């Protein structure tokens, strides 16, 4: 892991297209501004973890259970 110290108003680059700016630094949080191309997905870690958990749950769902659920919803 690369550790870089930056102050508010400073920035760093990842590759050619992603810039991360330090907007504000408080006692318990840091506010970041991220400029990236549209094709680069930027997610908070908790959103990514939820997304992965949903994908894992969907993979474990059998076609039979989906058919049963649809049948129950139609009643």
C-alpha atoms as a PDB file:
ATOM      1  CA  UNK A   1       0.000   0.000   0.000  1.00  0.00           C
ATOM      2  CA  UNK A   2       1.274   3.410  -0.951  1.00  0.00           C
ATOM      3  CA  UNK A   3       0.750   6.049   1.749  1.00  0.00           C
ATOM      4  CA  UNK A   4       0.818   9.701   0.657  1.00  0.00           C
ATOM      5  CA  UNK A   5       0.333  12.731   2.871  1.00  0.00           C
ATOM      6  CA  UNK A   6      -1.651  15.563   1.329  1.00  0.00           C
ATOM      7  CA  UNK A   7      -3.162  18.758   2.690  1.00  0.00           C
ATOM      8  CA  UNK A   8      -6.458  20.411   1.773  1.00  0.00           C
ATOM      9  CA  UNK A   9      -6.171  21.901  -1.716  1.00  0.00           C
ATOM     10  CA  UNK A  10      -3.584  19.354  -2.877  1.00  0.00           C
ATOM     11  CA  UNK A  11      -4.236  16.446  -5.215  1.00  0.00           C
ATOM     12  CA  UNK A  12      -2.797  13.241  -6.589  1.00  0.00           C
ATOM     13  CA  UNK A  13      -3.229  11.346  -9.838  1.00  0.00           C
ATOM     14  CA  UNK A  14      -3.905   7.688 -10.519  1.00  0.00           C
ATOM     15  CA  UNK A  15      -2.876   6.873 -14.061  1.00  0.00           C
ATOM     16  CA  UNK A  16      -3.598   9.498 -16.695  1.00  0.00           C
ATOM     17  CA  UNK A  17      -7.300  10.000 -16.091  1.00  0.00           C
ATOM     18  CA  UNK A  18      -8.101   9.967 -12.362  1.00  0.00           C
ATOM     19  CA  UNK A  19      -7.421  12.939 -10.108  1.00  0.00           C
ATOM     20  CA  UNK A  20      -8.160  12.879  -6.390  1.00  0.00           C
ATOM     21  CA  UNK A  21      -8.289  16.242  -4.649  1.00  0.00           C
ATOM     22  CA  UNK A  22      -8.263  16.786  -0.904  1.00  0.00           C
ATOM     23  CA  UNK A  23     -11.092  19.266  -0.371  1.00  0.00           C
ATOM     24  CA  UNK A  24     -11.257  19.401   3.417  1.00  0.00           C
ATOM     25  CA  UNK A  25      -9.638  17.705   6.387  1.00  0.00           C
ATOM     26  CA  UNK A  26     -11.434  17.492   9.719  1.00  0.00           C
ATOM     27  CA  UNK A  27     -10.663  15.768  13.000  1.00  0.00           C
ATOM     28  CA  UNK A  28     -12.523  12.581  12.023  1.00  0.00           C
ATOM     29  CA  UNK A  29     -13.013  12.734   8.258  1.00  0.00           C
ATOM     30  CA  UNK A  30     -11.491  13.760   4.958  1.00  0.00           C
ATOM     31  CA  UNK A  31     -13.538  15.170   2.068  1.00  0.00           C
ATOM     32  CA  UNK A  32     -12.293  14.025  -1.349  1.00  0.00           C
ATOM     33  CA  UNK A  33     -13.108  15.228  -4.846  1.00  0.00           C
ATOM     34  CA  UNK A  34     -12.622  12.609  -7.542  1.00  0.00           C
ATOM     35  CA  UNK A  35     -12.435  13.389 -11.248  1.00  0.00           C
ATOM     36  CA  UNK A  36     -12.466  10.311 -13.450  1.00  0.00           C
ATOM     37  CA  UNK A  37     -13.608   9.355 -16.942  1.00  0.00           C
ATOM     38  CA  UNK A  38     -17.206   8.121 -17.208  1.00  0.00           C
ATOM     39  CA  UNK A  39     -16.032   4.573 -17.902  1.00  0.00           C
ATOM     40  CA  UNK A  40     -14.243   4.416 -14.523  1.00  0.00           C
ATOM     41  CA  UNK A  41     -16.525   3.275 -11.713  1.00  0.00           C
ATOM     42  CA  UNK A  42     -15.974   5.008  -8.365  1.00  0.00           C
ATOM     43  CA  UNK A  43     -17.680   3.373  -5.374  1.00  0.00           C
ATOM     44  CA  UNK A  44     -17.434   3.700  -1.614  1.00  0.00           C
ATOM     45  CA  UNK A  45     -16.262   0.463  -0.009  1.00  0.00           C
ATOM     46  CA  UNK A  46     -19.564  -0.188   1.793  1.00  0.00           C
ATOM     47  CA  UNK A  47     -21.497   0.166  -1.484  1.00  0.00           C
ATOM     48  CA  UNK A  48     -19.144  -2.269  -3.203  1.00  0.00           C
ATOM     49  CA  UNK A  49     -19.485  -4.772  -0.350  1.00  0.00           C
ATOM     50  CA  UNK A  50     -23.292  -4.580  -0.541  1.00  0.00           C
ATOM     51  CA  UNK A  51     -23.153  -4.994  -4.298  1.00  0.00           C
ATOM     52  CA  UNK A  52     -20.934  -8.070  -3.939  1.00  0.00           C
ATOM     53  CA  UNK A  53     -23.184  -9.578  -1.245  1.00  0.00           C
ATOM     54  CA  UNK A  54     -26.216  -9.111  -3.515  1.00  0.00           C
ATOM     55  CA  UNK A  55     -24.419 -10.781  -6.416  1.00  0.00           C
ATOM     56  CA  UNK A  56     -23.366 -13.695  -4.196  1.00  0.00           C
ATOM     57  CA  UNK A  57     -26.949 -14.133  -2.935  1.00  0.00           C
ATOM     58  CA  UNK A  58     -28.290 -14.047  -6.495  1.00  0.00           C
ATOM     59  CA  UNK A  59     -25.831 -16.745  -7.575  1.00  0.00           C
ATOM     60  CA  UNK A  60     -27.066 -19.007  -4.771  1.00  0.00           C
ATOM     61  CA  UNK A  61     -30.712 -18.657  -5.818  1.00  0.00           C
ATOM     62  CA  UNK A  62     -31.980 -21.652  -7.769  1.00  0.00           C
ATOM     63  CA  UNK A  63     -34.299 -21.308 -10.761  1.00  0.00           C
ATOM     64  CA  UNK A  64     -36.862 -23.398  -8.871  1.00  0.00           C
ATOM     65  CA  UNK A  65     -36.987 -20.951  -5.962  1.00  0.00           C
ATOM     66  CA  UNK A  66     -37.465 -18.048  -8.391  1.00  0.00           C
ATOM     67  CA  UNK A  67     -40.383 -19.892 -10.040  1.00  0.00           C
ATOM     68  CA  UNK A  68     -41.926 -20.568  -6.631  1.00  0.00           C
ATOM     69  CA  UNK A  69     -41.574 -16.924  -5.618  1.00  0.00           C
ATOM     70  CA  UNK A  70     -43.142 -15.714  -8.874  1.00  0.00           C
ATOM     71  CA  UNK A  71     -46.044 -18.120  -8.388  1.00  0.00           C
ATOM     72  CA  UNK A  72     -46.613 -16.803  -4.848  1.00  0.00           C
ATOM     73  CA  UNK A  73     -46.473 -13.180  -6.009  1.00  0.00           C
ATOM     74  CA  UNK A  74     -49.061 -13.790  -8.704  1.00  0.00           C
ATOM     75  CA  UNK A  75     -51.589 -15.158  -6.198  1.00  0.00           C
END
